[in-house]
């Protein structure tokens, strides 16, 4: 399906906003949490439909390091999505009450952990597309001075992401350390979304750096092998 890049980015941004809003269930309440989660799941499904060509080509061509990594991340994303959607449906009280089975501590644990893995893997997915997204004219400013300000703002948000990662206890959330997500009611609501966005940027930027480093190593090894062959 041939969807313009601008449309894809806008759609993915809306999907990310829906996901982050669904993660804020301690702020929004269960009713809005379910509907926002359902909207995020629907957008995720359409995102995959938009990229149906990728699925059609999955058995074609050679698999080098970058493609293997990208395919592995996409597969894990699908697994996390399936876990979030299934456990969400099983516990639904408002959006899909007729499909709800029961609500247990185990299901809530799996649902919460899978949701944060969906967020984390989505950040890694963004990191693998970092250069494409952040060099796009509608995101990164073209003017030199504005571009510097934009770069500094992104870098500051990435640094803030390191603090947010610790403040939100992301390691425990990803490895089932918490059964429930907690947010102090005295803290500004907007701070939750700022922290979540900064965590995504941190993970995405770290992925971009890691992928670039690995690519440089493979390139150096390839050049070394060519030189040895010549010699």
Protein backbone atom coordinates (compact mmCIF):
# COMPACT_ATOMS: atom_id res chain seq x y z
CA UNK A 1 0.00 0.00 0.00
CA UNK A 2 1.59 3.25 -1.19
CA UNK A 3 1.08 5.73 1.68
CA UNK A 4 3.02 9.05 1.61
CA UNK A 5 5.75 9.35 4.24
CA UNK A 6 4.12 12.46 5.72
CA UNK A 7 0.85 10.59 6.26
CA UNK A 8 2.68 7.63 7.79
CA UNK A 9 4.54 9.84 10.28
CA UNK A 10 1.36 11.68 11.31
CA UNK A 11 -0.51 8.39 11.73
CA UNK A 12 2.34 6.82 13.74
CA UNK A 13 2.54 9.93 15.95
CA UNK A 14 -1.21 9.63 16.65
CA UNK A 15 -0.78 5.93 17.41
CA UNK A 16 2.06 6.69 19.84
CA UNK A 17 -0.04 9.38 21.54
CA UNK A 18 -2.91 6.90 21.97
CA UNK A 19 -0.55 4.31 23.45
CA UNK A 20 0.98 6.78 25.90
CA UNK A 21 -2.49 7.95 26.90
CA UNK A 22 -3.53 4.34 27.48
CA UNK A 23 -0.48 3.85 29.70
CA UNK A 24 -1.70 6.76 31.84
CA UNK A 25 -4.61 4.70 33.21
CA UNK A 26 -3.89 5.94 36.74
CA UNK A 27 -4.67 9.41 35.39
CA UNK A 28 -7.43 8.71 32.86
CA UNK A 29 -9.29 5.97 34.74
CA UNK A 30 -10.32 2.51 33.50
CA UNK A 31 -13.11 3.69 31.16
CA UNK A 32 -10.91 5.95 29.03
CA UNK A 33 -8.01 3.54 29.41
CA UNK A 34 -9.94 0.79 27.66
CA UNK A 35 -11.15 2.98 24.79
CA UNK A 36 -7.73 4.55 24.31
CA UNK A 37 -6.14 1.11 24.36
CA UNK A 38 -8.66 -0.11 21.80
CA UNK A 39 -7.89 2.89 19.59
CA UNK A 40 -4.14 2.25 19.91
CA UNK A 41 -4.64 -1.42 18.98
CA UNK A 42 -6.74 -0.46 15.93
CA UNK A 43 -4.07 2.02 14.81
CA UNK A 44 -1.37 -0.62 15.31
CA UNK A 45 -3.35 -3.01 13.10
CA UNK A 46 -3.70 -0.34 10.37
CA UNK A 47 0.03 0.43 10.69
CA UNK A 48 0.73 -3.18 9.75
CA UNK A 49 -1.76 -3.04 6.87
CA UNK A 50 0.01 0.07 5.54
CA UNK A 51 3.27 -1.89 5.59
CA UNK A 52 1.92 -5.06 3.98
CA UNK A 53 4.72 -4.92 1.40
CA UNK A 54 7.21 -5.65 4.16
CA UNK A 55 5.36 -8.87 4.99
CA UNK A 56 5.19 -9.85 1.32
CA UNK A 57 8.97 -9.48 0.99
CA UNK A 58 9.89 -11.20 4.25
CA UNK A 59 10.98 -14.43 2.50
CA UNK A 60 12.75 -12.63 -0.33
CA UNK A 61 16.31 -11.34 -0.57
CA UNK A 62 19.31 -11.76 1.70
CA UNK A 63 19.30 -11.25 5.46
CA UNK A 64 22.20 -9.16 6.66
CA UNK A 65 22.69 -7.81 10.19
CA UNK A 66 20.46 -4.74 9.82
CA UNK A 67 17.60 -6.69 8.27
CA UNK A 68 17.85 -9.47 10.87
CA UNK A 69 17.68 -6.92 13.69
CA UNK A 70 14.75 -5.08 12.13
CA UNK A 71 12.84 -8.32 11.54
CA UNK A 72 13.48 -9.52 15.10
CA UNK A 73 12.23 -6.23 16.58
CA UNK A 74 9.11 -6.30 14.40
CA UNK A 75 8.38 -9.89 15.42
CA UNK A 76 8.73 -9.01 19.12
CA UNK A 77 6.50 -5.97 18.58
CA UNK A 78 3.78 -8.21 17.15
CA UNK A 79 4.11 -10.58 20.13
CA UNK A 80 3.84 -7.70 22.60
CA UNK A 81 0.84 -6.30 20.73
CA UNK A 82 -0.88 -9.69 20.76
CA UNK A 83 -0.28 -10.07 24.51
CA UNK A 84 -1.57 -6.55 25.29
CA UNK A 85 -4.65 -6.94 23.08
CA UNK A 86 -5.57 -10.42 24.36
CA UNK A 87 -5.14 -9.64 28.06
CA UNK A 88 -6.94 -6.33 27.60
CA UNK A 89 -9.93 -8.04 25.99
CA UNK A 90 -10.03 -10.69 28.71
CA UNK A 91 -10.29 -7.97 31.38
CA UNK A 92 -12.56 -5.53 29.52
CA UNK A 93 -15.37 -4.01 31.58
CA UNK A 94 -16.43 -1.09 29.37
CA UNK A 95 -15.25 -1.24 25.73
CA UNK A 96 -15.80 -4.98 25.14
CA UNK A 97 -17.58 -6.30 28.24
CA UNK A 98 -19.22 -9.15 26.29
CA UNK A 99 -15.75 -10.57 25.52
CA UNK A 100 -14.35 -10.17 29.01
CA UNK A 101 -13.55 -13.41 30.80
CA UNK A 102 -12.11 -12.44 34.16
CA UNK A 103 -9.69 -10.06 35.85
CA UNK A 104 -6.85 -11.64 37.78
CA UNK A 105 -3.56 -10.40 39.18
CA UNK A 106 -1.68 -12.55 36.67
CA UNK A 107 -3.55 -11.05 33.71
CA UNK A 108 -3.05 -7.50 34.98
CA UNK A 109 0.67 -8.20 35.44
CA UNK A 110 1.04 -9.61 31.93
CA UNK A 111 -1.05 -6.79 30.44
CA UNK A 112 0.97 -4.04 32.13
CA UNK A 113 4.35 -5.62 31.37
CA UNK A 114 3.42 -6.29 27.73
CA UNK A 115 2.24 -2.69 27.33
CA UNK A 116 5.58 -1.35 28.50
CA UNK A 117 7.43 -3.78 26.25
CA UNK A 118 5.26 -2.50 23.39
CA UNK A 119 6.36 1.03 24.25
CA UNK A 120 10.04 0.00 24.59
CA UNK A 121 10.14 -2.07 21.40
CA UNK A 122 8.33 0.74 19.59
CA UNK A 123 11.14 3.06 20.70
CA UNK A 124 13.71 0.61 19.33
CA UNK A 125 11.75 0.45 16.08
CA UNK A 126 11.89 4.26 15.92
CA UNK A 127 15.63 4.15 16.62
CA UNK A 128 16.19 1.88 13.62
CA UNK A 129 14.35 4.47 11.49
CA UNK A 130 15.98 7.45 13.25
CA UNK A 131 17.75 8.94 10.24
CA UNK A 132 14.70 8.62 8.02
CA UNK A 133 12.34 10.25 10.52
CA UNK A 134 14.53 13.03 11.89
CA UNK A 135 15.84 14.11 8.51
CA UNK A 136 12.32 14.52 7.18
CA UNK A 137 11.61 18.16 6.26
CA UNK A 138 8.36 18.37 8.25
CA UNK A 139 10.09 17.26 11.49
CA UNK A 140 13.64 18.56 11.41
CA UNK A 141 13.84 22.31 10.55
CA UNK A 142 15.85 23.24 7.46
CA UNK A 143 17.20 26.59 8.68
CA UNK A 144 20.61 26.33 10.29
CA UNK A 145 19.84 28.24 13.52
CA UNK A 146 16.44 26.61 13.98
CA UNK A 147 17.98 23.21 13.28
CA UNK A 148 20.52 23.74 16.08
CA UNK A 149 17.79 24.74 18.52
CA UNK A 150 15.76 21.70 17.50
CA UNK A 151 18.77 19.39 17.93
CA UNK A 152 19.51 20.85 21.38
CA UNK A 153 15.87 20.41 22.43
CA UNK A 154 15.88 16.77 21.31
CA UNK A 155 19.21 16.14 23.06
CA UNK A 156 17.92 17.76 26.28
CA UNK A 157 14.82 15.55 26.16
CA UNK A 158 17.05 12.50 25.65
CA UNK A 159 19.09 13.44 28.74
CA UNK A 160 15.85 13.93 30.65
CA UNK A 161 14.92 10.43 29.52
CA UNK A 162 17.77 8.99 31.60
CA UNK A 163 16.26 10.58 34.73
CA UNK A 164 12.74 9.51 33.69
CA UNK A 165 13.90 5.91 33.16
CA UNK A 166 15.03 5.76 36.80
CA UNK A 167 12.13 7.82 38.17
CA UNK A 168 9.54 5.58 36.50
CA UNK A 169 11.39 2.37 37.43
CA UNK A 170 11.38 1.16 33.84
CA UNK A 171 13.61 -1.86 34.48
CA UNK A 172 11.13 -3.23 37.00
CA UNK A 173 8.20 -2.46 34.70
CA UNK A 174 9.80 -4.36 31.83
CA UNK A 175 10.69 -7.35 33.95
CA UNK A 176 7.48 -7.69 35.97
CA UNK A 177 8.73 -5.90 39.06
CA UNK A 178 5.47 -3.96 39.46
CA UNK A 179 1.93 -5.27 39.33
CA UNK A 180 0.50 -1.76 39.03
CA UNK A 181 1.75 1.48 37.56
CA UNK A 182 1.81 4.32 40.07
CA UNK A 183 1.62 8.07 39.53
CA UNK A 184 1.50 10.58 42.36
CA UNK A 185 -1.66 12.70 42.02
CA UNK A 186 0.24 15.76 43.25
CA UNK A 187 2.57 15.64 40.26
CA UNK A 188 1.43 17.49 37.10
CA UNK A 189 -0.30 15.25 34.56
CA UNK A 190 1.74 16.71 31.69
CA UNK A 191 4.89 15.48 33.43
CA UNK A 192 3.78 11.88 32.90
CA UNK A 193 3.66 12.38 29.13
CA UNK A 194 6.94 14.33 29.10
CA UNK A 195 8.66 11.52 30.96
CA UNK A 196 7.16 8.86 28.69
CA UNK A 197 8.19 10.76 25.55
CA UNK A 198 11.71 11.29 26.90
CA UNK A 199 12.05 7.57 27.69
CA UNK A 200 11.03 6.71 24.12
CA UNK A 201 13.55 9.20 22.70
CA UNK A 202 16.29 7.86 24.98
CA UNK A 203 15.70 4.25 23.90
CA UNK A 204 15.38 5.27 20.25
CA UNK A 205 18.59 7.31 20.28
CA UNK A 206 20.50 4.54 22.09
CA UNK A 207 19.27 2.10 19.44
CA UNK A 208 20.38 4.44 16.67
CA UNK A 209 23.86 4.74 18.18
CA UNK A 210 24.10 0.99 18.74
CA UNK A 211 22.96 0.15 15.22
CA UNK A 212 25.39 2.69 13.73
CA UNK A 213 28.26 1.25 15.80
CA UNK A 214 27.48 -2.31 14.73
CA UNK A 215 27.20 -1.23 11.08
CA UNK A 216 30.60 0.50 11.29
CA UNK A 217 32.19 -2.66 12.69
CA UNK A 218 30.77 -4.79 9.87
CA UNK A 219 31.95 -2.20 7.34
CA UNK A 220 35.48 -2.18 8.78
CA UNK A 221 35.62 -5.99 8.79
CA UNK A 222 34.42 -6.08 5.19
CA UNK A 223 37.06 -3.56 4.10
CA UNK A 224 39.73 -5.52 5.98
CA UNK A 225 38.71 -8.74 4.24
CA UNK A 226 38.88 -6.99 0.86
CA UNK A 227 42.38 -5.67 1.62
CA UNK A 228 43.54 -9.13 2.65
CA UNK A 229 42.13 -10.54 -0.56
CA UNK A 230 44.00 -7.92 -2.59
CA UNK A 231 47.21 -8.55 -0.71
